[in-house]
Amino acid sequence: MFPEAGFAQGYGMTEMSPRVATLIPDDHHDPRLLRAAGRAIPGVDIQIVDPQGNEVPRGEIREIVARGAGTMLGYWNKPEQNAAAVRDGWMHTGDAGYMDEGGYIYLVDRMKDMIVTGGEIVYSAEVENTLATHPSVATCAVIGVPDPQWGERVHAVIVLKPGRSATAEEIRAHCRTLIAGYKAPRSCDFVDVMPVSPTGKILKRDLRKPHWEDTGRSVN
């Protein structure tokens, strides 16, 4: 319909007013960059840092941080959240990702949605993308739940397509054909509807709550 049109996309957050990176139209002609979120826009610096705030080598997955003239002054009357979000001028996005040698950033997951099972890190987004390829899955979410053997286990919450069926064993077997076995869900809940926010985002905190409410914490 629009053969001369170019496609661009941006990555950012309200706290950065809001854009920090862009994948420009020319970038979309390179298949290697199609999963990238883009490169820093003028006036913005982006780094991938460890929990101590040290920049990590290119290709290593850690937290994405950014700084620039658009960085927020702070959350209104929330000093603790401000201290956690903005450190030494860097906005901590809460997103896990990596940067390639060309400066392009790639999103992997939300930091809070990462699962550590048996000492291995599992990114829920990767498992969710795999689950979505099953012909019976309409909607899914992946969370970490307490496990006496593994610390946490990968747990899937699934809404099936109308008239379709599946078992936890079938779901796990399907995932194991596409991702490493330790990433495949060890347990599943099949539900009719997902809890969602007014903007349509799945509320993973509501999915986690019944599994963690008696533990006094949300990590194992």
N, C-alpha and C. Protein backbone atom coordinates (compact mmCIF):
# COMPACT_ATOMS: atom_id res chain seq x y z
N MET A 1 0.82 -1.21 0.00
CA MET A 1 0.00 0.00 0.00
C MET A 1 0.86 1.27 0.00
N PHE A 2 1.99 1.22 0.74
CA PHE A 2 2.86 2.39 0.84
C PHE A 2 4.31 1.97 0.55
N PRO A 3 4.63 1.67 -0.70
CA PRO A 3 5.95 1.11 -1.02
C PRO A 3 7.13 2.02 -0.71
N GLU A 4 6.90 3.33 -0.60
CA GLU A 4 8.00 4.24 -0.33
C GLU A 4 8.13 4.57 1.16
N ALA A 5 7.24 4.03 1.97
CA ALA A 5 7.26 4.36 3.40
C ALA A 5 8.36 3.59 4.12
N GLY A 6 8.95 4.22 5.10
CA GLY A 6 9.94 3.55 5.95
C GLY A 6 9.35 3.29 7.31
N PHE A 7 9.86 2.25 7.97
CA PHE A 7 9.35 1.89 9.30
C PHE A 7 10.40 2.20 10.34
N ALA A 8 9.98 2.85 11.42
CA ALA A 8 10.87 3.14 12.54
C ALA A 8 10.19 2.75 13.83
N GLN A 9 10.96 2.45 14.85
CA GLN A 9 10.39 2.12 16.15
C GLN A 9 11.26 2.71 17.24
N GLY A 10 10.65 2.93 18.39
CA GLY A 10 11.38 3.54 19.48
C GLY A 10 11.30 2.72 20.75
N TYR A 11 12.24 2.94 21.64
CA TYR A 11 12.25 2.30 22.95
C TYR A 11 12.45 3.40 23.99
N GLY A 12 11.67 3.34 25.05
CA GLY A 12 11.83 4.33 26.10
C GLY A 12 10.86 4.10 27.23
N MET A 13 10.66 5.13 28.03
CA MET A 13 9.76 5.04 29.17
C MET A 13 9.37 6.46 29.57
N THR A 14 8.24 6.60 30.22
CA THR A 14 7.76 7.91 30.63
C THR A 14 8.81 8.68 31.42
N GLU A 15 9.55 7.97 32.27
CA GLU A 15 10.55 8.61 33.12
C GLU A 15 11.71 9.23 32.34
N MET A 16 11.82 8.88 31.04
CA MET A 16 12.88 9.45 30.20
C MET A 16 12.32 10.43 29.18
N SER A 17 11.08 10.76 29.28
CA SER A 17 10.40 11.81 28.49
C SER A 17 10.27 11.64 26.97
N PRO A 18 9.94 10.54 26.38
CA PRO A 18 10.06 9.19 26.92
C PRO A 18 11.08 8.34 26.16
N ARG A 19 11.62 8.84 25.02
CA ARG A 19 12.38 7.95 24.14
C ARG A 19 13.86 7.99 24.47
N VAL A 20 14.52 6.80 24.41
CA VAL A 20 15.97 6.74 24.60
C VAL A 20 16.68 6.10 23.41
N ALA A 21 15.98 5.31 22.62
CA ALA A 21 16.61 4.62 21.50
C ALA A 21 15.64 4.52 20.33
N THR A 22 16.20 4.45 19.13
CA THR A 22 15.38 4.33 17.92
C THR A 22 16.05 3.37 16.95
N LEU A 23 15.22 2.55 16.30
CA LEU A 23 15.65 1.73 15.18
C LEU A 23 15.11 2.44 13.93
N ILE A 24 16.00 3.05 13.16
CA ILE A 24 15.59 3.88 12.04
C ILE A 24 15.21 3.03 10.83
N PRO A 25 14.55 3.62 9.82
CA PRO A 25 14.11 2.84 8.65
C PRO A 25 15.24 2.04 7.98
N ASP A 26 16.42 2.64 7.82
CA ASP A 26 17.51 1.91 7.17
C ASP A 26 17.92 0.66 7.94
N ASP A 27 17.80 0.70 9.27
CA ASP A 27 18.16 -0.46 10.08
C ASP A 27 17.28 -1.66 9.77
N HIS A 28 16.04 -1.41 9.33
CA HIS A 28 15.10 -2.50 9.09
C HIS A 28 15.43 -3.30 7.83
N HIS A 29 16.39 -2.84 7.04
CA HIS A 29 16.82 -3.59 5.87
C HIS A 29 17.88 -4.62 6.21
N ASP A 30 18.38 -4.59 7.44
CA ASP A 30 19.40 -5.54 7.89
C ASP A 30 18.72 -6.59 8.77
N PRO A 31 18.57 -7.83 8.30
CA PRO A 31 17.88 -8.87 9.09
C PRO A 31 18.47 -9.07 10.47
N ARG A 32 19.76 -8.79 10.64
CA ARG A 32 20.40 -9.00 11.93
C ARG A 32 19.89 -8.02 12.99
N LEU A 33 19.29 -6.92 12.55
CA LEU A 33 18.87 -5.88 13.49
C LEU A 33 17.38 -5.89 13.77
N LEU A 34 16.64 -6.80 13.17
CA LEU A 34 15.19 -6.73 13.29
C LEU A 34 14.68 -7.00 14.70
N ARG A 35 15.47 -7.63 15.54
CA ARG A 35 15.06 -7.84 16.94
C ARG A 35 15.63 -6.77 17.87
N ALA A 36 16.39 -5.83 17.31
CA ALA A 36 16.98 -4.78 18.13
C ALA A 36 15.93 -3.72 18.48
N ALA A 37 16.14 -3.07 19.64
CA ALA A 37 15.28 -1.96 20.03
C ALA A 37 15.81 -0.64 19.49
N GLY A 38 17.04 -0.66 18.97
CA GLY A 38 17.61 0.55 18.39
C GLY A 38 18.89 0.98 19.08
N ARG A 39 19.36 2.16 18.67
CA ARG A 39 20.55 2.77 19.27
C ARG A 39 20.15 4.07 19.96
N ALA A 40 20.99 4.51 20.87
CA ALA A 40 20.69 5.72 21.64
C ALA A 40 20.45 6.91 20.71
N ILE A 41 19.43 7.71 21.02
CA ILE A 41 19.16 8.92 20.26
C ILE A 41 20.14 10.00 20.70
N PRO A 42 20.31 11.06 19.91
CA PRO A 42 21.21 12.15 20.31
C PRO A 42 20.82 12.72 21.67
N GLY A 43 21.83 12.94 22.51
CA GLY A 43 21.59 13.50 23.83
C GLY A 43 21.31 12.49 24.91
N VAL A 44 21.31 11.20 24.56
CA VAL A 44 21.05 10.14 25.53
C VAL A 44 22.20 9.14 25.53
N ASP A 45 22.61 8.73 26.71
CA ASP A 45 23.60 7.66 26.87
C ASP A 45 22.90 6.42 27.39
N ILE A 46 23.29 5.26 26.89
CA ILE A 46 22.73 3.98 27.33
C ILE A 46 23.88 3.06 27.70
N GLN A 47 23.73 2.35 28.81
CA GLN A 47 24.69 1.33 29.21
C GLN A 47 23.95 0.08 29.68
N ILE A 48 24.66 -1.03 29.69
CA ILE A 48 24.19 -2.27 30.29
C ILE A 48 25.06 -2.50 31.51
N VAL A 49 24.44 -2.57 32.70
CA VAL A 49 25.24 -2.57 33.92
C VAL A 49 24.88 -3.74 34.84
N ASP A 50 25.85 -4.10 35.70
CA ASP A 50 25.62 -5.13 36.70
C ASP A 50 24.96 -4.50 37.93
N PRO A 51 24.63 -5.30 38.96
CA PRO A 51 23.94 -4.75 40.13
C PRO A 51 24.71 -3.64 40.85
N GLN A 52 26.02 -3.57 40.66
CA GLN A 52 26.83 -2.53 41.30
C GLN A 52 26.93 -1.27 40.43
N GLY A 53 26.30 -1.29 39.25
CA GLY A 53 26.33 -0.14 38.37
C GLY A 53 27.50 -0.10 37.42
N ASN A 54 28.27 -1.20 37.35
CA ASN A 54 29.42 -1.26 36.45
C ASN A 54 28.99 -1.73 35.06
N GLU A 55 29.48 -1.06 34.02
CA GLU A 55 29.14 -1.45 32.67
C GLU A 55 29.74 -2.82 32.36
N VAL A 56 28.96 -3.68 31.71
CA VAL A 56 29.41 -5.04 31.41
C VAL A 56 29.83 -5.13 29.95
N PRO A 57 30.57 -6.19 29.57
CA PRO A 57 31.01 -6.34 28.18
C PRO A 57 29.83 -6.46 27.21
N ARG A 58 30.06 -6.08 25.96
CA ARG A 58 29.04 -6.18 24.93
C ARG A 58 28.57 -7.64 24.79
N GLY A 59 27.27 -7.80 24.66
CA GLY A 59 26.69 -9.14 24.52
C GLY A 59 26.23 -9.75 25.82
N GLU A 60 26.66 -9.19 26.96
CA GLU A 60 26.25 -9.74 28.25
C GLU A 60 24.90 -9.16 28.67
N ILE A 61 24.01 -10.01 29.15
CA ILE A 61 22.66 -9.58 29.52
C ILE A 61 22.64 -9.10 30.97
N ARG A 62 22.30 -7.84 31.14
CA ARG A 62 22.11 -7.24 32.46
C ARG A 62 21.05 -6.14 32.35
N GLU A 63 21.05 -5.20 33.29
CA GLU A 63 20.01 -4.16 33.27
C GLU A 63 20.39 -3.01 32.34
N ILE A 64 19.38 -2.50 31.62
CA ILE A 64 19.57 -1.35 30.76
C ILE A 64 19.37 -0.08 31.59
N VAL A 65 20.35 0.84 31.51
CA VAL A 65 20.21 2.14 32.17
C VAL A 65 20.44 3.23 31.14
N ALA A 66 19.86 4.40 31.40
CA ALA A 66 19.99 5.51 30.45
C ALA A 66 20.05 6.82 31.21
N ARG A 67 20.64 7.84 30.55
CA ARG A 67 20.67 9.17 31.13
C ARG A 67 20.63 10.19 30.00
N GLY A 68 20.12 11.37 30.33
CA GLY A 68 20.03 12.44 29.34
C GLY A 68 19.23 13.59 29.91
N ALA A 69 19.04 14.63 29.11
CA ALA A 69 18.33 15.82 29.57
C ALA A 69 16.88 15.51 29.93
N GLY A 70 16.33 14.43 29.37
CA GLY A 70 14.94 14.08 29.63
C GLY A 70 14.71 13.23 30.86
N THR A 71 15.76 12.90 31.58
CA THR A 71 15.59 12.07 32.78
C THR A 71 14.71 12.78 33.80
N MET A 72 13.77 12.06 34.35
CA MET A 72 12.81 12.67 35.28
C MET A 72 13.50 13.26 36.50
N LEU A 73 12.83 14.24 37.13
CA LEU A 73 13.31 14.80 38.39
C LEU A 73 13.03 13.88 39.55
N GLY A 74 11.96 13.07 39.44
CA GLY A 74 11.64 12.12 40.50
C GLY A 74 10.17 11.83 40.56
N TYR A 75 9.83 10.77 41.29
CA TYR A 75 8.43 10.44 41.55
C TYR A 75 7.94 11.32 42.70
N TRP A 76 6.73 11.82 42.59
CA TRP A 76 6.20 12.75 43.59
C TRP A 76 6.05 12.09 44.96
N ASN A 77 6.77 12.63 45.91
CA ASN A 77 6.68 12.18 47.31
C ASN A 77 7.01 10.69 47.48
N LYS A 78 7.95 10.19 46.68
CA LYS A 78 8.34 8.79 46.79
C LYS A 78 9.87 8.68 46.82
N PRO A 79 10.49 9.11 47.91
CA PRO A 79 11.95 9.15 47.97
C PRO A 79 12.61 7.78 47.82
N GLU A 80 12.00 6.72 48.35
CA GLU A 80 12.62 5.40 48.25
C GLU A 80 12.63 4.92 46.81
N GLN A 81 11.51 5.13 46.10
CA GLN A 81 11.46 4.72 44.70
C GLN A 81 12.44 5.54 43.85
N ASN A 82 12.58 6.82 44.20
CA ASN A 82 13.53 7.67 43.47
C ASN A 82 14.95 7.16 43.64
N ALA A 83 15.30 6.80 44.87
CA ALA A 83 16.65 6.32 45.15
C ALA A 83 16.95 5.04 44.39
N ALA A 84 15.94 4.19 44.22
CA ALA A 84 16.14 2.94 43.50
C ALA A 84 16.17 3.15 41.99
N ALA A 85 15.41 4.12 41.51
CA ALA A 85 15.27 4.30 40.06
C ALA A 85 16.41 5.10 39.44
N VAL A 86 16.80 6.20 40.08
CA VAL A 86 17.84 7.07 39.52
C VAL A 86 19.05 7.05 40.43
N ARG A 87 20.15 6.52 39.92
CA ARG A 87 21.38 6.42 40.71
C ARG A 87 22.52 7.04 39.93
N ASP A 88 23.16 8.02 40.52
CA ASP A 88 24.27 8.75 39.88
C ASP A 88 23.87 9.27 38.51
N GLY A 89 22.61 9.70 38.40
CA GLY A 89 22.14 10.29 37.15
C GLY A 89 21.63 9.30 36.12
N TRP A 90 21.76 7.99 36.40
CA TRP A 90 21.32 6.95 35.47
C TRP A 90 19.94 6.45 35.85
N MET A 91 19.03 6.43 34.90
CA MET A 91 17.70 5.87 35.11
C MET A 91 17.76 4.36 34.93
N HIS A 92 17.42 3.63 35.97
CA HIS A 92 17.42 2.17 35.90
C HIS A 92 16.05 1.71 35.38
N THR A 93 16.04 1.18 34.17
CA THR A 93 14.79 0.89 33.48
C THR A 93 14.05 -0.32 34.01
N GLY A 94 14.77 -1.24 34.67
CA GLY A 94 14.15 -2.50 35.08
C GLY A 94 14.06 -3.50 33.96
N ASP A 95 14.62 -3.16 32.79
CA ASP A 95 14.62 -4.07 31.65
C ASP A 95 15.96 -4.79 31.55
N ALA A 96 15.91 -6.08 31.26
CA ALA A 96 17.12 -6.85 31.01
C ALA A 96 17.38 -6.88 29.51
N GLY A 97 18.63 -6.67 29.14
CA GLY A 97 18.98 -6.69 27.72
C GLY A 97 20.47 -6.70 27.55
N TYR A 98 20.89 -6.59 26.29
CA TYR A 98 22.32 -6.53 25.99
C TYR A 98 22.56 -5.56 24.85
N MET A 99 23.81 -5.17 24.66
CA MET A 99 24.21 -4.26 23.60
C MET A 99 25.23 -4.95 22.71
N ASP A 100 25.06 -4.81 21.39
CA ASP A 100 26.02 -5.43 20.49
C ASP A 100 27.17 -4.46 20.21
N GLU A 101 28.12 -4.89 19.38
CA GLU A 101 29.30 -4.07 19.11
C GLU A 101 28.95 -2.77 18.38
N GLY A 102 27.80 -2.75 17.72
CA GLY A 102 27.39 -1.55 17.00
C GLY A 102 26.61 -0.57 17.85
N GLY A 103 26.40 -0.90 19.14
CA GLY A 103 25.67 -0.01 20.02
C GLY A 103 24.18 -0.22 20.02
N TYR A 104 23.70 -1.25 19.32
CA TYR A 104 22.27 -1.56 19.31
C TYR A 104 21.91 -2.34 20.57
N ILE A 105 20.77 -1.98 21.19
CA ILE A 105 20.34 -2.70 22.37
C ILE A 105 19.22 -3.68 22.01
N TYR A 106 19.20 -4.79 22.73
CA TYR A 106 18.23 -5.85 22.51
C TYR A 106 17.56 -6.16 23.85
N LEU A 107 16.24 -6.07 23.87
CA LEU A 107 15.50 -6.37 25.09
C LEU A 107 15.32 -7.88 25.23
N VAL A 108 15.47 -8.37 26.45
CA VAL A 108 15.33 -9.79 26.73
C VAL A 108 14.14 -10.06 27.66
N ASP A 109 14.00 -9.26 28.72
CA ASP A 109 12.93 -9.50 29.69
C ASP A 109 12.90 -8.34 30.67
N ARG A 110 11.88 -8.33 31.54
CA ARG A 110 11.90 -7.44 32.69
C ARG A 110 12.76 -8.10 33.76
N MET A 111 13.58 -7.33 34.45
CA MET A 111 14.45 -7.88 35.48
C MET A 111 13.66 -8.67 36.52
N LYS A 112 12.49 -8.15 36.91
CA LYS A 112 11.70 -8.80 37.94
C LYS A 112 11.05 -10.08 37.47
N ASP A 113 11.05 -10.31 36.14
CA ASP A 113 10.43 -11.51 35.60
C ASP A 113 11.43 -12.63 35.33
N MET A 114 12.71 -12.39 35.62
CA MET A 114 13.71 -13.44 35.46
C MET A 114 13.50 -14.51 36.53
N ILE A 115 13.79 -15.74 36.17
CA ILE A 115 13.62 -16.88 37.07
C ILE A 115 14.98 -17.55 37.23
N VAL A 116 15.36 -17.83 38.47
CA VAL A 116 16.60 -18.57 38.72
C VAL A 116 16.22 -19.96 39.22
N THR A 117 16.46 -20.96 38.40
CA THR A 117 16.07 -22.33 38.73
C THR A 117 17.29 -23.24 38.67
N GLY A 118 17.62 -23.85 39.78
CA GLY A 118 18.80 -24.70 39.82
C GLY A 118 20.07 -23.96 39.47
N GLY A 119 20.12 -22.66 39.77
CA GLY A 119 21.30 -21.86 39.48
C GLY A 119 21.34 -21.32 38.06
N GLU A 120 20.38 -21.67 37.23
CA GLU A 120 20.33 -21.20 35.85
C GLU A 120 19.30 -20.08 35.72
N ILE A 121 19.64 -19.04 34.94
CA ILE A 121 18.72 -17.94 34.70
C ILE A 121 17.83 -18.27 33.52
N VAL A 122 16.52 -18.08 33.71
CA VAL A 122 15.54 -18.28 32.64
C VAL A 122 14.80 -16.97 32.44
N TYR A 123 14.72 -16.54 31.20
CA TYR A 123 13.98 -15.33 30.87
C TYR A 123 12.57 -15.70 30.47
N SER A 124 11.60 -15.18 31.23
CA SER A 124 10.21 -15.58 31.02
C SER A 124 9.73 -15.27 29.61
N ALA A 125 10.21 -14.18 29.02
CA ALA A 125 9.75 -13.81 27.68
C ALA A 125 10.12 -14.88 26.65
N GLU A 126 11.29 -15.48 26.80
CA GLU A 126 11.70 -16.53 25.87
C GLU A 126 10.77 -17.73 25.97
N VAL A 127 10.42 -18.11 27.20
CA VAL A 127 9.52 -19.25 27.38
C VAL A 127 8.12 -18.92 26.87
N GLU A 128 7.66 -17.69 27.12
CA GLU A 128 6.34 -17.28 26.64
C GLU A 128 6.27 -17.30 25.12
N ASN A 129 7.32 -16.84 24.46
CA ASN A 129 7.34 -16.87 23.00
C ASN A 129 7.29 -18.31 22.48
N THR A 130 7.92 -19.22 23.21
CA THR A 130 7.90 -20.63 22.82
C THR A 130 6.51 -21.22 23.04
N LEU A 131 5.91 -20.94 24.18
CA LEU A 131 4.56 -21.43 24.47
C LEU A 131 3.56 -20.95 23.42
N ALA A 132 3.75 -19.72 22.96
CA ALA A 132 2.80 -19.14 22.00
C ALA A 132 2.78 -19.88 20.67
N THR A 133 3.82 -20.67 20.40
CA THR A 133 3.84 -21.44 19.14
C THR A 133 3.03 -22.73 19.23
N HIS A 134 2.59 -23.11 20.43
CA HIS A 134 1.77 -24.32 20.56
C HIS A 134 0.38 -24.04 19.98
N PRO A 135 -0.14 -24.92 19.17
CA PRO A 135 -1.42 -24.66 18.48
C PRO A 135 -2.62 -24.49 19.39
N SER A 136 -2.52 -24.93 20.65
CA SER A 136 -3.66 -24.82 21.57
C SER A 136 -3.60 -23.61 22.48
N VAL A 137 -2.48 -22.89 22.47
CA VAL A 137 -2.28 -21.79 23.41
C VAL A 137 -2.79 -20.48 22.83
N ALA A 138 -3.72 -19.83 23.55
CA ALA A 138 -4.23 -18.52 23.14
C ALA A 138 -3.42 -17.40 23.80
N THR A 139 -3.25 -17.51 25.12
CA THR A 139 -2.50 -16.52 25.89
C THR A 139 -1.72 -17.24 26.96
N CYS A 140 -0.56 -16.70 27.33
CA CYS A 140 0.24 -17.36 28.36
C CYS A 140 1.07 -16.35 29.13
N ALA A 141 1.48 -16.75 30.31
CA ALA A 141 2.41 -15.98 31.13
C ALA A 141 3.29 -16.97 31.88
N VAL A 142 4.54 -16.63 32.07
CA VAL A 142 5.49 -17.51 32.75
C VAL A 142 6.03 -16.80 33.98
N ILE A 143 6.01 -17.48 35.11
CA ILE A 143 6.49 -16.92 36.37
C ILE A 143 7.37 -17.94 37.08
N GLY A 144 8.10 -17.47 38.08
CA GLY A 144 8.85 -18.36 38.94
C GLY A 144 8.08 -18.62 40.22
N VAL A 145 8.01 -19.87 40.64
CA VAL A 145 7.32 -20.21 41.88
C VAL A 145 8.27 -21.02 42.75
N PRO A 146 8.05 -21.03 44.08
CA PRO A 146 8.97 -21.74 44.98
C PRO A 146 9.03 -23.23 44.66
N ASP A 147 10.24 -23.78 44.78
CA ASP A 147 10.42 -25.21 44.55
C ASP A 147 11.47 -25.72 45.52
N PRO A 148 11.18 -26.80 46.28
CA PRO A 148 12.12 -27.27 47.29
C PRO A 148 13.42 -27.81 46.71
N GLN A 149 13.39 -28.27 45.47
CA GLN A 149 14.60 -28.84 44.86
C GLN A 149 15.38 -27.82 44.06
N TRP A 150 14.68 -27.00 43.28
CA TRP A 150 15.33 -26.10 42.33
C TRP A 150 15.40 -24.66 42.82
N GLY A 151 14.87 -24.37 44.00
CA GLY A 151 14.80 -22.99 44.47
C GLY A 151 13.56 -22.32 43.90
N GLU A 152 13.55 -22.17 42.59
CA GLU A 152 12.37 -21.73 41.86
C GLU A 152 12.18 -22.66 40.68
N ARG A 153 10.95 -22.80 40.25
CA ARG A 153 10.72 -23.57 39.03
C ARG A 153 9.95 -22.71 38.04
N VAL A 154 10.12 -23.04 36.79
CA VAL A 154 9.41 -22.33 35.72
C VAL A 154 7.97 -22.82 35.69
N HIS A 155 7.04 -21.88 35.85
CA HIS A 155 5.63 -22.22 35.93
C HIS A 155 4.87 -21.42 34.87
N ALA A 156 4.02 -22.09 34.11
CA ALA A 156 3.25 -21.44 33.05
C ALA A 156 1.78 -21.33 33.43
N VAL A 157 1.20 -20.19 33.12
CA VAL A 157 -0.24 -19.98 33.26
C VAL A 157 -0.78 -19.79 31.84
N ILE A 158 -1.75 -20.61 31.47
CA ILE A 158 -2.15 -20.69 30.06
C ILE A 158 -3.66 -20.58 29.90
N VAL A 159 -4.07 -19.78 28.92
CA VAL A 159 -5.45 -19.76 28.45
C VAL A 159 -5.46 -20.49 27.10
N LEU A 160 -6.27 -21.53 27.02
CA LEU A 160 -6.32 -22.32 25.78
C LEU A 160 -7.29 -21.69 24.78
N LYS A 161 -7.06 -21.97 23.52
CA LYS A 161 -7.98 -21.53 22.47
C LYS A 161 -9.30 -22.28 22.60
N PRO A 162 -10.40 -21.66 22.23
CA PRO A 162 -11.70 -22.33 22.32
C PRO A 162 -11.71 -23.66 21.58
N GLY A 163 -12.20 -24.70 22.25
CA GLY A 163 -12.30 -26.00 21.62
C GLY A 163 -11.01 -26.79 21.57
N ARG A 164 -9.91 -26.22 22.10
CA ARG A 164 -8.62 -26.93 22.08
C ARG A 164 -8.30 -27.43 23.48
N SER A 165 -7.43 -28.43 23.55
CA SER A 165 -7.02 -28.99 24.83
C SER A 165 -5.53 -29.25 24.82
N ALA A 166 -4.98 -29.36 26.01
CA ALA A 166 -3.55 -29.67 26.17
C ALA A 166 -3.31 -30.06 27.61
N THR A 167 -2.27 -30.83 27.84
CA THR A 167 -1.86 -31.20 29.20
C THR A 167 -0.51 -30.56 29.50
N ALA A 168 -0.18 -30.53 30.78
CA ALA A 168 1.11 -29.97 31.18
C ALA A 168 2.25 -30.75 30.54
N GLU A 169 2.09 -32.06 30.43
CA GLU A 169 3.12 -32.90 29.82
C GLU A 169 3.30 -32.55 28.35
N GLU A 170 2.19 -32.30 27.65
CA GLU A 170 2.28 -31.94 26.24
C GLU A 170 2.95 -30.57 26.05
N ILE A 171 2.60 -29.66 26.94
CA ILE A 171 3.19 -28.32 26.87
C ILE A 171 4.70 -28.40 27.09
N ARG A 172 5.11 -29.15 28.11
CA ARG A 172 6.54 -29.27 28.40
C ARG A 172 7.28 -29.94 27.24
N ALA A 173 6.70 -31.00 26.68
CA ALA A 173 7.35 -31.70 25.57
C ALA A 173 7.51 -30.78 24.37
N HIS A 174 6.50 -29.96 24.11
CA HIS A 174 6.57 -29.01 22.99
C HIS A 174 7.71 -28.02 23.21
N CYS A 175 7.81 -27.48 24.42
CA CYS A 175 8.85 -26.50 24.70
C CYS A 175 10.25 -27.10 24.59
N ARG A 176 10.40 -28.33 25.02
CA ARG A 176 11.72 -28.98 24.99
C ARG A 176 12.23 -29.18 23.57
N THR A 177 11.34 -29.14 22.58
CA THR A 177 11.81 -29.25 21.19
C THR A 177 12.38 -27.93 20.67
N LEU A 178 12.14 -26.84 21.41
CA LEU A 178 12.53 -25.52 20.92
C LEU A 178 13.52 -24.80 21.82
N ILE A 179 13.51 -25.10 23.12
CA ILE A 179 14.43 -24.45 24.06
C ILE A 179 15.03 -25.51 24.98
N ALA A 180 16.03 -25.12 25.74
CA ALA A 180 16.70 -26.05 26.66
C ALA A 180 15.70 -26.61 27.68
N GLY A 181 15.92 -27.84 28.09
CA GLY A 181 14.99 -28.52 28.99
C GLY A 181 14.76 -27.79 30.30
N TYR A 182 15.80 -27.15 30.86
CA TYR A 182 15.63 -26.47 32.15
C TYR A 182 14.75 -25.23 32.03
N LYS A 183 14.55 -24.74 30.79
CA LYS A 183 13.71 -23.57 30.58
C LYS A 183 12.23 -23.95 30.41
N ALA A 184 11.97 -25.19 30.07
CA ALA A 184 10.59 -25.63 29.84
C ALA A 184 9.81 -25.62 31.15
N PRO A 185 8.53 -25.23 31.13
CA PRO A 185 7.74 -25.19 32.37
C PRO A 185 7.69 -26.55 33.06
N ARG A 186 7.96 -26.56 34.36
CA ARG A 186 7.86 -27.80 35.13
C ARG A 186 6.44 -28.00 35.66
N SER A 187 5.63 -26.95 35.61
CA SER A 187 4.24 -27.04 36.04
C SER A 187 3.42 -26.03 35.26
N CYS A 188 2.11 -26.26 35.19
CA CYS A 188 1.22 -25.39 34.44
C CYS A 188 -0.11 -25.23 35.16
N ASP A 189 -0.70 -24.07 35.02
CA ASP A 189 -2.09 -23.84 35.40
C ASP A 189 -2.84 -23.46 34.13
N PHE A 190 -4.01 -24.06 33.94
CA PHE A 190 -4.86 -23.69 32.81
C PHE A 190 -6.03 -22.88 33.36
N VAL A 191 -6.18 -21.65 32.88
CA VAL A 191 -7.20 -20.74 33.40
C VAL A 191 -8.09 -20.25 32.26
N ASP A 192 -9.23 -19.71 32.64
CA ASP A 192 -10.16 -19.20 31.63
C ASP A 192 -9.79 -17.79 31.18
N VAL A 193 -9.32 -16.97 32.13
CA VAL A 193 -8.94 -15.59 31.82
C VAL A 193 -7.70 -15.21 32.62
N MET A 194 -6.97 -14.22 32.11
CA MET A 194 -5.80 -13.69 32.80
C MET A 194 -6.18 -12.42 33.53
N PRO A 195 -5.55 -12.17 34.69
CA PRO A 195 -5.72 -10.85 35.32
C PRO A 195 -4.94 -9.81 34.51
N VAL A 196 -5.60 -8.74 34.14
CA VAL A 196 -4.93 -7.73 33.32
C VAL A 196 -5.16 -6.34 33.90
N SER A 197 -4.26 -5.42 33.56
CA SER A 197 -4.37 -4.02 33.98
C SER A 197 -5.32 -3.30 33.04
N PRO A 198 -5.67 -2.04 33.38
CA PRO A 198 -6.54 -1.26 32.48
C PRO A 198 -5.96 -1.10 31.08
N THR A 199 -4.63 -1.22 30.95
CA THR A 199 -4.02 -1.09 29.63
C THR A 199 -3.85 -2.44 28.93
N GLY A 200 -4.34 -3.52 29.57
CA GLY A 200 -4.29 -4.83 28.94
C GLY A 200 -3.07 -5.65 29.25
N LYS A 201 -2.18 -5.18 30.12
CA LYS A 201 -0.99 -5.96 30.47
C LYS A 201 -1.36 -7.04 31.49
N ILE A 202 -0.79 -8.22 31.29
CA ILE A 202 -1.02 -9.30 32.25
C ILE A 202 -0.36 -8.95 33.58
N LEU A 203 -1.12 -9.07 34.66
CA LEU A 203 -0.62 -8.74 35.99
C LEU A 203 0.06 -9.95 36.61
N LYS A 204 1.35 -10.05 36.38
CA LYS A 204 2.08 -11.21 36.89
C LYS A 204 2.13 -11.23 38.41
N ARG A 205 2.08 -10.07 39.02
CA ARG A 205 2.09 -10.05 40.50
C ARG A 205 0.88 -10.79 41.05
N ASP A 206 -0.26 -10.69 40.35
CA ASP A 206 -1.45 -11.41 40.79
C ASP A 206 -1.31 -12.91 40.56
N LEU A 207 -0.59 -13.29 39.52
CA LEU A 207 -0.35 -14.72 39.26
C LEU A 207 0.62 -15.30 40.28
N ARG A 208 1.60 -14.48 40.70
CA ARG A 208 2.60 -14.96 41.67
C ARG A 208 2.03 -15.07 43.08
N LYS A 209 1.13 -14.17 43.43
CA LYS A 209 0.69 -14.01 44.82
C LYS A 209 0.32 -15.31 45.52
N PRO A 210 -0.54 -16.17 44.95
CA PRO A 210 -0.92 -17.38 45.69
C PRO A 210 0.23 -18.34 45.93
N HIS A 211 1.28 -18.25 45.13
CA HIS A 211 2.43 -19.15 45.28
C HIS A 211 3.43 -18.65 46.32
N TRP A 212 3.47 -17.31 46.52
CA TRP A 212 4.51 -16.73 47.37
C TRP A 212 3.98 -16.13 48.67
N GLU A 213 2.67 -15.96 48.81
CA GLU A 213 2.15 -15.19 49.94
C GLU A 213 2.47 -15.79 51.30
N ASP A 214 2.74 -17.08 51.38
CA ASP A 214 3.05 -17.70 52.67
C ASP A 214 4.55 -17.81 52.93
N THR A 215 5.38 -17.32 51.98
CA THR A 215 6.82 -17.45 52.13
C THR A 215 7.46 -16.22 52.74
N GLY A 216 6.75 -15.07 52.70
CA GLY A 216 7.31 -13.85 53.25
C GLY A 216 8.29 -13.18 52.32
N ARG A 217 8.44 -13.67 51.10
CA ARG A 217 9.34 -13.05 50.12
C ARG A 217 8.86 -13.42 48.73
N SER A 218 9.53 -12.89 47.72
CA SER A 218 9.12 -13.18 46.34
C SER A 218 10.28 -13.71 45.50
N VAL A 219 11.31 -14.21 46.18
CA VAL A 219 12.42 -14.87 45.50
C VAL A 219 12.91 -15.99 46.39
N ASN A 220 13.43 -17.06 45.79
CA ASN A 220 13.81 -18.23 46.58
C ASN A 220 15.26 -18.60 46.30
